Amino acid sequence: MKKIILTVTIATLAYAAPALKGNIEFKQKDGATFIGQLKGDEWFNWIEDDKEHIIKYSNRSKNFEYGRLKEINGDVDLVPSGVKVGSRLGTLSANQSKIDKSTLIEIWKLKKEKSLYPIK
């Protein structure tokens, strides 16, 4: 039994892949571009620009937007803010425009843990 659990754990971790390293050009729906870096893995990911703003893609607007933290079903998650990357950050509060990296790491750990050990 221990061998089966160990094999499944190793196989699961073998498929986990960190985000690509280095700068990438991202294109908005209107053709505008910005440079950012992918962060995270398949459990939790985001984009970070050169000013360390956290960015998420919005399926609703089809644009990359500055990220914000939101409580969803008792858990904090990173979601698009509605403010398109490249637009003025004035519509975001000071604490929304800069998200603490330790908070992102905690969200990442929780998402990874939940995916590895789902509650039944």
PDB file of N, CA and C in Angstrom:
ATOM      1  N   MET A   1       0.823  -1.197   0.000  1.00  0.00           N
ATOM      2  CA  MET A   1       0.000   0.000   0.000  1.00  0.00           C
ATOM      3  C   MET A   1       0.866   1.260   0.000  1.00  0.00           C
ATOM      4  N   LYS A   2       1.950   1.228   0.798  1.00  0.00           N
ATOM      5  CA  LYS A   2       2.830   2.388   0.858  1.00  0.00           C
ATOM      6  C   LYS A   2       3.467   2.659  -0.505  1.00  0.00           C
ATOM      7  N   LYS A   3       3.796   1.585  -1.233  1.00  0.00           N
ATOM      8  CA  LYS A   3       4.397   1.750  -2.561  1.00  0.00           C
ATOM      9  C   LYS A   3       3.416   2.408  -3.530  1.00  0.00           C
ATOM     10  N   ILE A   4       2.141   2.057  -3.425  1.00  0.00           N
ATOM     11  CA  ILE A   4       1.129   2.652  -4.308  1.00  0.00           C
ATOM     12  C   ILE A   4       0.980   4.142  -4.020  1.00  0.00           C
ATOM     13  N   ILE A   5       0.891   4.498  -2.746  1.00  0.00           N
ATOM     14  CA  ILE A   5       0.758   5.914  -2.367  1.00  0.00           C
ATOM     15  C   ILE A   5       1.985   6.690  -2.815  1.00  0.00           C
ATOM     16  N   LEU A   6       3.159   6.143  -2.605  1.00  0.00           N
ATOM     17  CA  LEU A   6       4.396   6.803  -3.013  1.00  0.00           C
ATOM     18  C   LEU A   6       4.446   6.987  -4.525  1.00  0.00           C
ATOM     19  N   THR A   7       4.048   5.969  -5.275  1.00  0.00           N
ATOM     20  CA  THR A   7       4.049   6.039  -6.741  1.00  0.00           C
ATOM     21  C   THR A   7       3.084   7.111  -7.238  1.00  0.00           C
ATOM     22  N   VAL A   8       1.888   7.154  -6.674  1.00  0.00           N
ATOM     23  CA  VAL A   8       0.891   8.154  -7.078  1.00  0.00           C
ATOM     24  C   VAL A   8       1.386   9.564  -6.747  1.00  0.00           C
ATOM     25  N   THR A   9       1.977   9.743  -5.587  1.00  0.00           N
ATOM     26  CA  THR A   9       2.496  11.054  -5.187  1.00  0.00           C
ATOM     27  C   THR A   9       3.603  11.510  -6.127  1.00  0.00           C
ATOM     28  N   ILE A  10       4.536  10.636  -6.429  1.00  0.00           N
ATOM     29  CA  ILE A  10       5.642  10.988  -7.333  1.00  0.00           C
ATOM     30  C   ILE A  10       5.115  11.293  -8.728  1.00  0.00           C
ATOM     31  N   ALA A  11       4.175  10.498  -9.208  1.00  0.00           N
ATOM     32  CA  ALA A  11       3.602  10.738 -10.540  1.00  0.00           C
ATOM     33  C   ALA A  11       2.885  12.075 -10.592  1.00  0.00           C
ATOM     34  N   THR A  12       2.151  12.417  -9.541  1.00  0.00           N
ATOM     35  CA  THR A  12       1.445  13.693  -9.484  1.00  0.00           C
ATOM     36  C   THR A  12       2.438  14.855  -9.504  1.00  0.00           C
ATOM     37  N   LEU A  13       3.477  14.765  -8.695  1.00  0.00           N
ATOM     38  CA  LEU A  13       4.467  15.834  -8.628  1.00  0.00           C
ATOM     39  C   LEU A  13       5.284  15.935  -9.913  1.00  0.00           C
ATOM     40  N   ALA A  14       5.451  14.847 -10.611  1.00  0.00           N
ATOM     41  CA  ALA A  14       6.221  14.861 -11.853  1.00  0.00           C
ATOM     42  C   ALA A  14       5.539  15.699 -12.926  1.00  0.00           C
ATOM     43  N   TYR A  15       4.216  15.808 -12.863  1.00  0.00           N
ATOM     44  CA  TYR A  15       3.485  16.597 -13.845  1.00  0.00           C
ATOM     45  C   TYR A  15       3.392  18.072 -13.461  1.00  0.00           C
ATOM     46  N   ALA A  16       3.765  18.415 -12.253  1.00  0.00           N
ATOM     47  CA  ALA A  16       3.743  19.815 -11.819  1.00  0.00           C
ATOM     48  C   ALA A  16       4.886  20.545 -12.505  1.00  0.00           C
ATOM     49  N   ALA A  17       4.560  21.656 -13.127  1.00  0.00           N
ATOM     50  CA  ALA A  17       5.587  22.401 -13.847  1.00  0.00           C
ATOM     51  C   ALA A  17       5.537  23.874 -13.468  1.00  0.00           C
ATOM     52  N   PRO A  18       6.686  24.441 -13.116  1.00  0.00           N
ATOM     53  CA  PRO A  18       6.699  25.873 -12.833  1.00  0.00           C
ATOM     54  C   PRO A  18       6.497  26.672 -14.118  1.00  0.00           C
ATOM     55  N   ALA A  19       6.103  27.921 -13.944  1.00  0.00           N
ATOM     56  CA  ALA A  19       5.897  28.801 -15.096  1.00  0.00           C
ATOM     57  C   ALA A  19       7.230  29.066 -15.797  1.00  0.00           C
ATOM     58  N   LEU A  20       7.154  29.406 -17.077  1.00  0.00           N
ATOM     59  CA  LEU A  20       8.349  29.739 -17.851  1.00  0.00           C
ATOM     60  C   LEU A  20       9.068  30.925 -17.230  1.00  0.00           C
ATOM     61  N   LYS A  21      10.367  30.905 -17.281  1.00  0.00           N
ATOM     62  CA  LYS A  21      11.166  32.016 -16.753  1.00  0.00           C
ATOM     63  C   LYS A  21      11.423  33.029 -17.865  1.00  0.00           C
ATOM     64  N   GLY A  22      11.588  34.277 -17.479  1.00  0.00           N
ATOM     65  CA  GLY A  22      11.936  35.317 -18.433  1.00  0.00           C
ATOM     66  C   GLY A  22      10.755  36.185 -18.841  1.00  0.00           C
ATOM     67  N   ASN A  23      11.074  37.255 -19.543  1.00  0.00           N
ATOM     68  CA  ASN A  23      10.058  38.204 -19.988  1.00  0.00           C
ATOM     69  C   ASN A  23       9.294  37.683 -21.195  1.00  0.00           C
ATOM     70  N   ILE A  24       7.996  37.969 -21.205  1.00  0.00           N
ATOM     71  CA  ILE A  24       7.109  37.575 -22.296  1.00  0.00           C
ATOM     72  C   ILE A  24       6.281  38.793 -22.677  1.00  0.00           C
ATOM     73  N   GLU A  25       6.022  38.952 -23.968  1.00  0.00           N
ATOM     74  CA  GLU A  25       5.145  40.031 -24.418  1.00  0.00           C
ATOM     75  C   GLU A  25       3.712  39.502 -24.456  1.00  0.00           C
ATOM     76  N   PHE A  26       2.821  40.190 -23.757  1.00  0.00           N
ATOM     77  CA  PHE A  26       1.411  39.823 -23.712  1.00  0.00           C
ATOM     78  C   PHE A  26       0.620  40.826 -24.539  1.00  0.00           C
ATOM     79  N   LYS A  27      -0.390  40.346 -25.234  1.00  0.00           N
ATOM     80  CA  LYS A  27      -1.174  41.191 -26.131  1.00  0.00           C
ATOM     81  C   LYS A  27      -2.612  41.308 -25.628  1.00  0.00           C
ATOM     82  N   GLN A  28      -3.080  42.552 -25.518  1.00  0.00           N
ATOM     83  CA  GLN A  28      -4.457  42.816 -25.127  1.00  0.00           C
ATOM     84  C   GLN A  28      -5.395  42.634 -26.318  1.00  0.00           C
ATOM     85  N   LYS A  29      -6.676  42.606 -26.041  1.00  0.00           N
ATOM     86  CA  LYS A  29      -7.692  42.434 -27.084  1.00  0.00           C
ATOM     87  C   LYS A  29      -7.601  43.524 -28.154  1.00  0.00           C
ATOM     88  N   ASP A  30      -7.237  44.749 -27.753  1.00  0.00           N
ATOM     89  CA  ASP A  30      -7.159  45.867 -28.705  1.00  0.00           C
ATOM     90  C   ASP A  30      -5.810  45.956 -29.421  1.00  0.00           C
ATOM     91  N   GLY A  31      -4.909  45.002 -29.152  1.00  0.00           N
ATOM     92  CA  GLY A  31      -3.600  44.990 -29.805  1.00  0.00           C
ATOM     93  C   GLY A  31      -2.482  45.599 -28.980  1.00  0.00           C
ATOM     94  N   ALA A  32      -2.820  46.318 -27.920  1.00  0.00           N
ATOM     95  CA  ALA A  32      -1.797  46.888 -27.034  1.00  0.00           C
ATOM     96  C   ALA A  32      -1.006  45.751 -26.399  1.00  0.00           C
ATOM     97  N   THR A  33       0.256  45.993 -26.092  1.00  0.00           N
ATOM     98  CA  THR A  33       1.102  44.961 -25.502  1.00  0.00           C
ATOM     99  C   THR A  33       1.747  45.448 -24.214  1.00  0.00           C
ATOM    100  N   PHE A  34       2.182  44.523 -23.409  1.00  0.00           N
ATOM    101  CA  PHE A  34       2.969  44.825 -22.213  1.00  0.00           C
ATOM    102  C   PHE A  34       3.892  43.636 -21.962  1.00  0.00           C
ATOM    103  N   ILE A  35       4.951  43.881 -21.212  1.00  0.00           N
ATOM    104  CA  ILE A  35       5.930  42.850 -20.888  1.00  0.00           C
ATOM    105  C   ILE A  35       5.690  42.379 -19.458  1.00  0.00           C
ATOM    106  N   GLY A  36       5.705  41.068 -19.268  1.00  0.00           N
ATOM    107  CA  GLY A  36       5.522  40.512 -17.938  1.00  0.00           C
ATOM    108  C   GLY A  36       6.207  39.170 -17.818  1.00  0.00           C
ATOM    109  N   GLN A  37       6.168  38.641 -16.624  1.00  0.00           N
ATOM    110  CA  GLN A  37       6.730  37.322 -16.345  1.00  0.00           C
ATOM    111  C   GLN A  37       5.655  36.439 -15.747  1.00  0.00           C
ATOM    112  N   LEU A  38       5.595  35.197 -16.224  1.00  0.00           N
ATOM    113  CA  LEU A  38       4.674  34.227 -15.647  1.00  0.00           C
ATOM    114  C   LEU A  38       5.200  33.794 -14.288  1.00  0.00           C
ATOM    115  N   LYS A  39       4.288  33.619 -13.344  1.00  0.00           N
ATOM    116  CA  LYS A  39       4.645  33.152 -12.008  1.00  0.00           C
ATOM    117  C   LYS A  39       3.681  32.040 -11.625  1.00  0.00           C
ATOM    118  N   GLY A  40       4.145  31.119 -10.806  1.00  0.00           N
ATOM    119  CA  GLY A  40       3.297  30.054 -10.306  1.00  0.00           C
ATOM    120  C   GLY A  40       3.422  28.770 -11.087  1.00  0.00           C
ATOM    121  N   ASP A  41       2.375  27.952 -11.018  1.00  0.00           N
ATOM    122  CA  ASP A  41       2.334  26.668 -11.713  1.00  0.00           C
ATOM    123  C   ASP A  41       0.885  26.354 -12.050  1.00  0.00           C
ATOM    124  N   GLU A  42       0.586  25.069 -12.305  1.00  0.00           N
ATOM    125  CA  GLU A  42      -0.769  24.735 -12.725  1.00  0.00           C
ATOM    126  C   GLU A  42      -1.802  24.891 -11.613  1.00  0.00           C
ATOM    127  N   TRP A  43      -1.375  24.924 -10.359  1.00  0.00           N
ATOM    128  CA  TRP A  43      -2.315  25.081  -9.260  1.00  0.00           C
ATOM    129  C   TRP A  43      -2.707  26.540  -9.050  1.00  0.00           C
ATOM    130  N   PHE A  44      -1.777  27.440  -9.276  1.00  0.00           N
ATOM    131  CA  PHE A  44      -2.039  28.859  -9.041  1.00  0.00           C
ATOM    132  C   PHE A  44      -1.018  29.646  -9.851  1.00  0.00           C
ATOM    133  N   ASN A  45      -1.479  30.613 -10.613  1.00  0.00           N
ATOM    134  CA  ASN A  45      -0.546  31.373 -11.452  1.00  0.00           C
ATOM    135  C   ASN A  45      -1.032  32.793 -11.653  1.00  0.00           C
ATOM    136  N   TRP A  46      -0.083  33.642 -12.027  1.00  0.00           N
ATOM    137  CA  TRP A  46      -0.348  35.045 -12.289  1.00  0.00           C
ATOM    138  C   TRP A  46       0.764  35.571 -13.171  1.00  0.00           C
ATOM    139  N   ILE A  47       0.637  36.821 -13.565  1.00  0.00           N
ATOM    140  CA  ILE A  47       1.667  37.511 -14.338  1.00  0.00           C
ATOM    141  C   ILE A  47       2.123  38.692 -13.497  1.00  0.00           C
ATOM    142  N   GLU A  48       3.400  39.005 -13.581  1.00  0.00           N
ATOM    143  CA  GLU A  48       3.944  40.134 -12.846  1.00  0.00           C
ATOM    144  C   GLU A  48       4.663  41.049 -13.830  1.00  0.00           C
ATOM    145  N   ASP A  49       4.361  42.351 -13.771  1.00  0.00           N
ATOM    146  CA  ASP A  49       5.048  43.283 -14.669  1.00  0.00           C
ATOM    147  C   ASP A  49       6.317  43.813 -14.010  1.00  0.00           C
ATOM    148  N   ASP A  50       7.037  44.688 -14.705  1.00  0.00           N
ATOM    149  CA  ASP A  50       8.322  45.186 -14.201  1.00  0.00           C
ATOM    150  C   ASP A  50       8.179  46.066 -12.962  1.00  0.00           C
ATOM    151  N   LYS A  51       6.964  46.521 -12.661  1.00  0.00           N
ATOM    152  CA  LYS A  51       6.727  47.324 -11.451  1.00  0.00           C
ATOM    153  C   LYS A  51       6.143  46.460 -10.329  1.00  0.00           C
ATOM    154  N   GLU A  52       6.183  45.144 -10.542  1.00  0.00           N
ATOM    155  CA  GLU A  52       5.707  44.152  -9.585  1.00  0.00           C
ATOM    156  C   GLU A  52       4.202  44.209  -9.355  1.00  0.00           C
ATOM    157  N   HIS A  53       3.456  44.724 -10.329  1.00  0.00           N
ATOM    158  CA  HIS A  53       2.006  44.641 -10.260  1.00  0.00           C
ATOM    159  C   HIS A  53       1.598  43.219 -10.622  1.00  0.00           C
ATOM    160  N   ILE A  54       0.605  42.729  -9.936  1.00  0.00           N
ATOM    161  CA  ILE A  54       0.104  41.372 -10.164  1.00  0.00           C
ATOM    162  C   ILE A  54      -1.038  41.458 -11.185  1.00  0.00           C
ATOM    163  N   ILE A  55      -0.999  40.566 -12.176  1.00  0.00           N
ATOM    164  CA  ILE A  55      -1.923  40.636 -13.314  1.00  0.00           C
ATOM    165  C   ILE A  55      -2.601  39.280 -13.513  1.00  0.00           C
ATOM    166  N   LYS A  56      -3.899  39.316 -13.840  1.00  0.00           N
ATOM    167  CA  LYS A  56      -4.659  38.107 -14.173  1.00  0.00           C
ATOM    168  C   LYS A  56      -5.398  38.342 -15.484  1.00  0.00           C
ATOM    169  N   TYR A  57      -5.612  37.287 -16.234  1.00  0.00           N
ATOM    170  CA  TYR A  57      -6.386  37.378 -17.467  1.00  0.00           C
ATOM    171  C   TYR A  57      -7.873  37.294 -17.120  1.00  0.00           C
ATOM    172  N   SER A  58      -8.665  38.140 -17.747  1.00  0.00           N
ATOM    173  CA  SER A  58     -10.107  38.135 -17.521  1.00  0.00           C
ATOM    174  C   SER A  58     -10.822  37.472 -18.694  1.00  0.00           C
ATOM    175  N   ASN A  59     -11.493  36.382 -18.427  1.00  0.00           N
ATOM    176  CA  ASN A  59     -12.296  35.729 -19.466  1.00  0.00           C
ATOM    177  C   ASN A  59     -13.482  36.606 -19.861  1.00  0.00           C
ATOM    178  N   ARG A  60     -13.927  37.444 -18.944  1.00  0.00           N
ATOM    179  CA  ARG A  60     -15.077  38.309 -19.219  1.00  0.00           C
ATOM    180  C   ARG A  60     -14.714  39.400 -20.230  1.00  0.00           C
ATOM    181  N   SER A  61     -13.639  40.146 -19.966  1.00  0.00           N
ATOM    182  CA  SER A  61     -13.267  41.267 -20.845  1.00  0.00           C
ATOM    183  C   SER A  61     -12.331  40.844 -21.975  1.00  0.00           C
ATOM    184  N   LYS A  62     -11.732  39.656 -21.841  1.00  0.00           N
ATOM    185  CA  LYS A  62     -10.724  39.159 -22.790  1.00  0.00           C
ATOM    186  C   LYS A  62      -9.471  40.030 -22.787  1.00  0.00           C
ATOM    187  N   ASN A  63      -9.200  40.652 -21.641  1.00  0.00           N
ATOM    188  CA  ASN A  63      -8.007  41.468 -21.452  1.00  0.00           C
ATOM    189  C   ASN A  63      -7.257  40.999 -20.218  1.00  0.00           C
ATOM    190  N   PHE A  64      -5.985  41.390 -20.145  1.00  0.00           N
ATOM    191  CA  PHE A  64      -5.212  41.198 -18.931  1.00  0.00           C
ATOM    192  C   PHE A  64      -5.524  42.388 -18.036  1.00  0.00           C
ATOM    193  N   GLU A  65      -5.833  42.092 -16.767  1.00  0.00           N
ATOM    194  CA  GLU A  65      -6.213  43.132 -15.821  1.00  0.00           C
ATOM    195  C   GLU A  65      -5.352  43.010 -14.569  1.00  0.00           C
ATOM    196  N   TYR A  66      -5.209  44.148 -13.869  1.00  0.00           N
ATOM    197  CA  TYR A  66      -4.506  44.103 -12.591  1.00  0.00           C
ATOM    198  C   TYR A  66      -5.296  43.192 -11.660  1.00  0.00           C
ATOM    199  N   GLY A  67      -4.579  42.409 -10.871  1.00  0.00           N
ATOM    200  CA  GLY A  67      -5.231  41.476  -9.964  1.00  0.00           C
ATOM    201  C   GLY A  67      -5.662  42.143  -8.679  1.00  0.00           C
ATOM    202  N   ARG A  68      -6.613  41.514  -8.034  1.00  0.00           N
ATOM    203  CA  ARG A  68      -7.028  41.939  -6.698  1.00  0.00           C
ATOM    204  C   ARG A  68      -7.398  40.688  -5.918  1.00  0.00           C
ATOM    205  N   LEU A  69      -7.343  40.795  -4.610  1.00  0.00           N
ATOM    206  CA  LEU A  69      -7.705  39.675  -3.756  1.00  0.00           C
ATOM    207  C   LEU A  69      -9.192  39.741  -3.447  1.00  0.00           C
ATOM    208  N   LYS A  70      -9.842  38.587  -3.476  1.00  0.00           N
ATOM    209  CA  LYS A  70     -11.276  38.522  -3.210  1.00  0.00           C
ATOM    210  C   LYS A  70     -11.567  37.246  -2.435  1.00  0.00           C
ATOM    211  N   GLU A  71     -12.448  37.347  -1.443  1.00  0.00           N
ATOM    212  CA  GLU A  71     -12.848  36.161  -0.703  1.00  0.00           C
ATOM    213  C   GLU A  71     -13.951  35.452  -1.479  1.00  0.00           C
ATOM    214  N   ILE A  72     -13.721  34.169  -1.752  1.00  0.00           N
ATOM    215  CA  ILE A  72     -14.682  33.346  -2.484  1.00  0.00           C
ATOM    216  C   ILE A  72     -14.890  32.058  -1.689  1.00  0.00           C
ATOM    217  N   ASN A  73     -16.110  31.842  -1.228  1.00  0.00           N
ATOM    218  CA  ASN A  73     -16.449  30.638  -0.446  1.00  0.00           C
ATOM    219  C   ASN A  73     -15.509  30.433   0.739  1.00  0.00           C
ATOM    220  N   GLY A  74     -15.178  31.514   1.419  1.00  0.00           N
ATOM    221  CA  GLY A  74     -14.335  31.428   2.608  1.00  0.00           C
ATOM    222  C   GLY A  74     -12.847  31.406   2.345  1.00  0.00           C
ATOM    223  N   ASP A  75     -12.431  31.334   1.083  1.00  0.00           N
ATOM    224  CA  ASP A  75     -11.013  31.338   0.733  1.00  0.00           C
ATOM    225  C   ASP A  75     -10.673  32.627  -0.007  1.00  0.00           C
ATOM    226  N   VAL A  76      -9.476  33.124   0.201  1.00  0.00           N
ATOM    227  CA  VAL A  76      -9.011  34.295  -0.538  1.00  0.00           C
ATOM    228  C   VAL A  76      -8.432  33.810  -1.865  1.00  0.00           C
ATOM    229  N   ASP A  77      -8.776  34.503  -2.944  1.00  0.00           N
ATOM    230  CA  ASP A  77      -8.274  34.129  -4.260  1.00  0.00           C
ATOM    231  C   ASP A  77      -7.862  35.385  -5.017  1.00  0.00           C
ATOM    232  N   LEU A  78      -7.069  35.197  -6.041  1.00  0.00           N
ATOM    233  CA  LEU A  78      -6.626  36.290  -6.903  1.00  0.00           C
ATOM    234  C   LEU A  78      -7.524  36.326  -8.127  1.00  0.00           C
ATOM    235  N   VAL A  79      -8.142  37.474  -8.379  1.00  0.00           N
ATOM    236  CA  VAL A  79      -9.076  37.613  -9.494  1.00  0.00           C
ATOM    237  C   VAL A  79      -8.751  38.883 -10.271  1.00  0.00           C
ATOM    238  N   PRO A  80      -9.206  38.994 -11.522  1.00  0.00           N
ATOM    239  CA  PRO A  80      -9.036  40.239 -12.283  1.00  0.00           C
ATOM    240  C   PRO A  80      -9.843  41.361 -11.617  1.00  0.00           C
ATOM    241  N   SER A  81      -9.311  42.565 -11.653  1.00  0.00           N
ATOM    242  CA  SER A  81      -9.943  43.700 -10.964  1.00  0.00           C
ATOM    243  C   SER A  81     -10.932  44.467 -11.817  1.00  0.00           C
ATOM    244  N   GLY A  82     -10.882  44.281 -13.135  1.00  0.00           N
ATOM    245  CA  GLY A  82     -11.691  45.105 -14.018  1.00  0.00           C
ATOM    246  C   GLY A  82     -10.912  46.284 -14.568  1.00  0.00           C
ATOM    247  N   VAL A  83      -9.670  46.467 -14.089  1.00  0.00           N
ATOM    248  CA  VAL A  83      -8.813  47.563 -14.555  1.00  0.00           C
ATOM    249  C   VAL A  83      -7.770  46.970 -15.492  1.00  0.00           C
ATOM    250  N   LYS A  84      -7.876  47.306 -16.760  1.00  0.00           N
ATOM    251  CA  LYS A  84      -7.003  46.762 -17.804  1.00  0.00           C
ATOM    252  C   LYS A  84      -5.555  47.205 -17.594  1.00  0.00           C
ATOM    253  N   VAL A  85      -4.635  46.276 -17.805  1.00  0.00           N
ATOM    254  CA  VAL A  85      -3.211  46.606 -17.731  1.00  0.00           C
ATOM    255  C   VAL A  85      -2.915  47.672 -18.789  1.00  0.00           C
ATOM    256  N   GLY A  86      -2.214  48.697 -18.384  1.00  0.00           N
ATOM    257  CA  GLY A  86      -1.900  49.806 -19.279  1.00  0.00           C
ATOM    258  C   GLY A  86      -2.767  51.013 -19.005  1.00  0.00           C
ATOM    259  N   SER A  87      -3.916  50.802 -18.346  1.00  0.00           N
ATOM    260  CA  SER A  87      -4.741  51.945 -17.977  1.00  0.00           C
ATOM    261  C   SER A  87      -4.249  52.486 -16.646  1.00  0.00           C
ATOM    262  N   ARG A  88      -4.734  53.614 -16.260  1.00  0.00           N
ATOM    263  CA  ARG A  88      -4.278  54.224 -15.012  1.00  0.00           C
ATOM    264  C   ARG A  88      -4.724  53.396 -13.823  1.00  0.00           C
ATOM    265  N   LEU A  89      -3.832  53.273 -12.859  1.00  0.00           N
ATOM    266  CA  LEU A  89      -4.127  52.506 -11.656  1.00  0.00           C
ATOM    267  C   LEU A  89      -4.963  53.291 -10.652  1.00  0.00           C
ATOM    268  N   GLY A  90      -5.315  54.530 -10.975  1.00  0.00           N
ATOM    269  CA  GLY A  90      -6.047  55.373 -10.040  1.00  0.00           C
ATOM    270  C   GLY A  90      -7.359  54.782  -9.582  1.00  0.00           C
ATOM    271  N   THR A  91      -7.946  53.891 -10.368  1.00  0.00           N
ATOM    272  CA  THR A  91      -9.222  53.296  -9.977  1.00  0.00           C
ATOM    273  C   THR A  91      -9.053  52.146  -8.994  1.00  0.00           C
ATOM    274  N   LEU A  92      -7.810  51.730  -8.753  1.00  0.00           N
ATOM    275  CA  LEU A  92      -7.545  50.713  -7.745  1.00  0.00           C
ATOM    276  C   LEU A  92      -7.062  51.389  -6.477  1.00  0.00           C
ATOM    277  N   SER A  93      -7.472  50.872  -5.338  1.00  0.00           N
ATOM    278  CA  SER A  93      -6.955  51.419  -4.090  1.00  0.00           C
ATOM    279  C   SER A  93      -5.481  51.042  -3.962  1.00  0.00           C
ATOM    280  N   ALA A  94      -4.776  51.716  -3.083  1.00  0.00           N
ATOM    281  CA  ALA A  94      -3.341  51.477  -2.918  1.00  0.00           C
ATOM    282  C   ALA A  94      -3.044  50.021  -2.576  1.00  0.00           C
ATOM    283  N   ASN A  95      -3.868  49.409  -1.718  1.00  0.00           N
ATOM    284  CA  ASN A  95      -3.584  48.023  -1.337  1.00  0.00           C
ATOM    285  C   ASN A  95      -3.999  47.028  -2.414  1.00  0.00           C
ATOM    286  N   GLN A  96      -4.828  47.429  -3.362  1.00  0.00           N
ATOM    287  CA  GLN A  96      -5.169  46.530  -4.458  1.00  0.00           C
ATOM    288  C   GLN A  96      -4.088  46.538  -5.530  1.00  0.00           C
ATOM    289  N   SER A  97      -3.432  47.684  -5.739  1.00  0.00           N
ATOM    290  CA  SER A  97      -2.455  47.766  -6.817  1.00  0.00           C
ATOM    291  C   SER A  97      -1.156  47.041  -6.484  1.00  0.00           C
ATOM    292  N   LYS A  98      -0.852  46.868  -5.220  1.00  0.00           N
ATOM    293  CA  LYS A  98       0.329  46.108  -4.804  1.00  0.00           C
ATOM    294  C   LYS A  98      -0.117  44.996  -3.866  1.00  0.00           C
ATOM    295  N   ILE A  99       0.041  43.775  -4.300  1.00  0.00           N
ATOM    296  CA  ILE A  99      -0.359  42.622  -3.498  1.00  0.00           C
ATOM    297  C   ILE A  99       0.897  42.015  -2.895  1.00  0.00           C
ATOM    298  N   ASP A 100       0.848  41.758  -1.607  1.00  0.00           N
ATOM    299  CA  ASP A 100       1.980  41.196  -0.885  1.00  0.00           C
ATOM    300  C   ASP A 100       2.289  39.790  -1.409  1.00  0.00           C
ATOM    301  N   LYS A 101       3.537  39.557  -1.753  1.00  0.00           N
ATOM    302  CA  LYS A 101       3.953  38.263  -2.307  1.00  0.00           C
ATOM    303  C   LYS A 101       3.715  37.118  -1.324  1.00  0.00           C
ATOM    304  N   SER A 102       3.839  37.389  -0.025  1.00  0.00           N
ATOM    305  CA  SER A 102       3.618  36.317   0.949  1.00  0.00           C
ATOM    306  C   SER A 102       2.163  35.851   0.920  1.00  0.00           C
ATOM    307  N   THR A 103       1.237  36.753   0.619  1.00  0.00           N
ATOM    308  CA  THR A 103      -0.172  36.371   0.488  1.00  0.00           C
ATOM    309  C   THR A 103      -0.357  35.456  -0.715  1.00  0.00           C
ATOM    310  N   LEU A 104       0.288  35.791  -1.834  1.00  0.00           N
ATOM    311  CA  LEU A 104       0.197  34.940  -3.017  1.00  0.00           C
ATOM    312  C   LEU A 104       0.773  33.556  -2.749  1.00  0.00           C
ATOM    313  N   ILE A 105       1.872  33.501  -2.037  1.00  0.00           N
ATOM    314  CA  ILE A 105       2.502  32.211  -1.718  1.00  0.00           C
ATOM    315  C   ILE A 105       1.584  31.374  -0.837  1.00  0.00           C
ATOM    316  N   GLU A 106       0.898  32.009   0.107  1.00  0.00           N
ATOM    317  CA  GLU A 106      -0.038  31.272   0.961  1.00  0.00           C
ATOM    318  C   GLU A 106      -1.213  30.723   0.146  1.00  0.00           C
ATOM    319  N   ILE A 107      -1.763  31.532  -0.764  1.00  0.00           N
ATOM    320  CA  ILE A 107      -2.845  31.076  -1.635  1.00  0.00           C
ATOM    321  C   ILE A 107      -2.355  29.896  -2.473  1.00  0.00           C
ATOM    322  N   TRP A 108      -1.162  30.030  -3.021  1.00  0.00           N
ATOM    323  CA  TRP A 108      -0.551  28.985  -3.850  1.00  0.00           C
ATOM    324  C   TRP A 108      -0.448  27.675  -3.067  1.00  0.00           C
ATOM    325  N   LYS A 109       0.083  27.748  -1.837  1.00  0.00           N
ATOM    326  CA  LYS A 109       0.233  26.549  -1.006  1.00  0.00           C
ATOM    327  C   LYS A 109      -1.121  25.893  -0.743  1.00  0.00           C
ATOM    328  N   LEU A 110      -2.132  26.702  -0.416  1.00  0.00           N
ATOM    329  CA  LEU A 110      -3.459  26.152  -0.136  1.00  0.00           C
ATOM    330  C   LEU A 110      -4.066  25.475  -1.366  1.00  0.00           C
ATOM    331  N   LYS A 111      -3.932  26.110  -2.535  1.00  0.00           N
ATOM    332  CA  LYS A 111      -4.476  25.525  -3.763  1.00  0.00           C
ATOM    333  C   LYS A 111      -3.763  24.216  -4.109  1.00  0.00           C
ATOM    334  N   LYS A 112      -2.466  24.203  -3.941  1.00  0.00           N
ATOM    335  CA  LYS A 112      -1.695  22.994  -4.221  1.00  0.00           C
ATOM    336  C   LYS A 112      -2.103  21.879  -3.265  1.00  0.00           C
ATOM    337  N   GLU A 113      -2.209  22.221  -1.998  1.00  0.00           N
ATOM    338  CA  GLU A 113      -2.588  21.235  -0.993  1.00  0.00           C
ATOM    339  C   GLU A 113      -3.986  20.668  -1.275  1.00  0.00           C
ATOM    340  N   LYS A 114      -4.926  21.541  -1.624  1.00  0.00           N
ATOM    341  CA  LYS A 114      -6.285  21.083  -1.928  1.00  0.00           C
ATOM    342  C   LYS A 114      -6.327  20.201  -3.157  1.00  0.00           C
ATOM    343  N   SER A 115      -5.479  20.469  -4.127  1.00  0.00           N
ATOM    344  CA  SER A 115      -5.499  19.644  -5.342  1.00  0.00           C
ATOM    345  C   SER A 115      -4.821  18.289  -5.097  1.00  0.00           C
ATOM    346  N   LEU A 116      -3.840  18.254  -4.214  1.00  0.00           N
ATOM    347  CA  LEU A 116      -3.163  16.995  -3.905  1.00  0.00           C
ATOM    348  C   LEU A 116      -3.973  16.134  -2.936  1.00  0.00           C
ATOM    349  N   TYR A 117      -4.667  16.803  -2.026  1.00  0.00           N
ATOM    350  CA  TYR A 117      -5.434  16.097  -0.987  1.00  0.00           C
ATOM    351  C   TYR A 117      -6.862  16.630  -0.954  1.00  0.00           C
ATOM    352  N   PRO A 118      -7.651  16.369  -1.985  1.00  0.00           N
ATOM    353  CA  PRO A 118      -9.018  16.902  -2.031  1.00  0.00           C
ATOM    354  C   PRO A 118      -9.878  16.331  -0.904  1.00  0.00           C
ATOM    355  N   ILE A 119     -10.726  17.188  -0.367  1.00  0.00           N
ATOM    356  CA  ILE A 119     -11.658  16.768   0.690  1.00  0.00           C
ATOM    357  C   ILE A 119     -12.840  16.082   0.021  1.00  0.00           C
ATOM    358  N   LYS A 120     -13.191  14.937   0.534  1.00  0.00           N
ATOM    359  CA  LYS A 120     -14.308  14.171  -0.051  1.00  0.00           C
ATOM    360  C   LYS A 120     -15.552  14.319   0.770  1.00  0.00           C
TER     361      LYS A 120
END
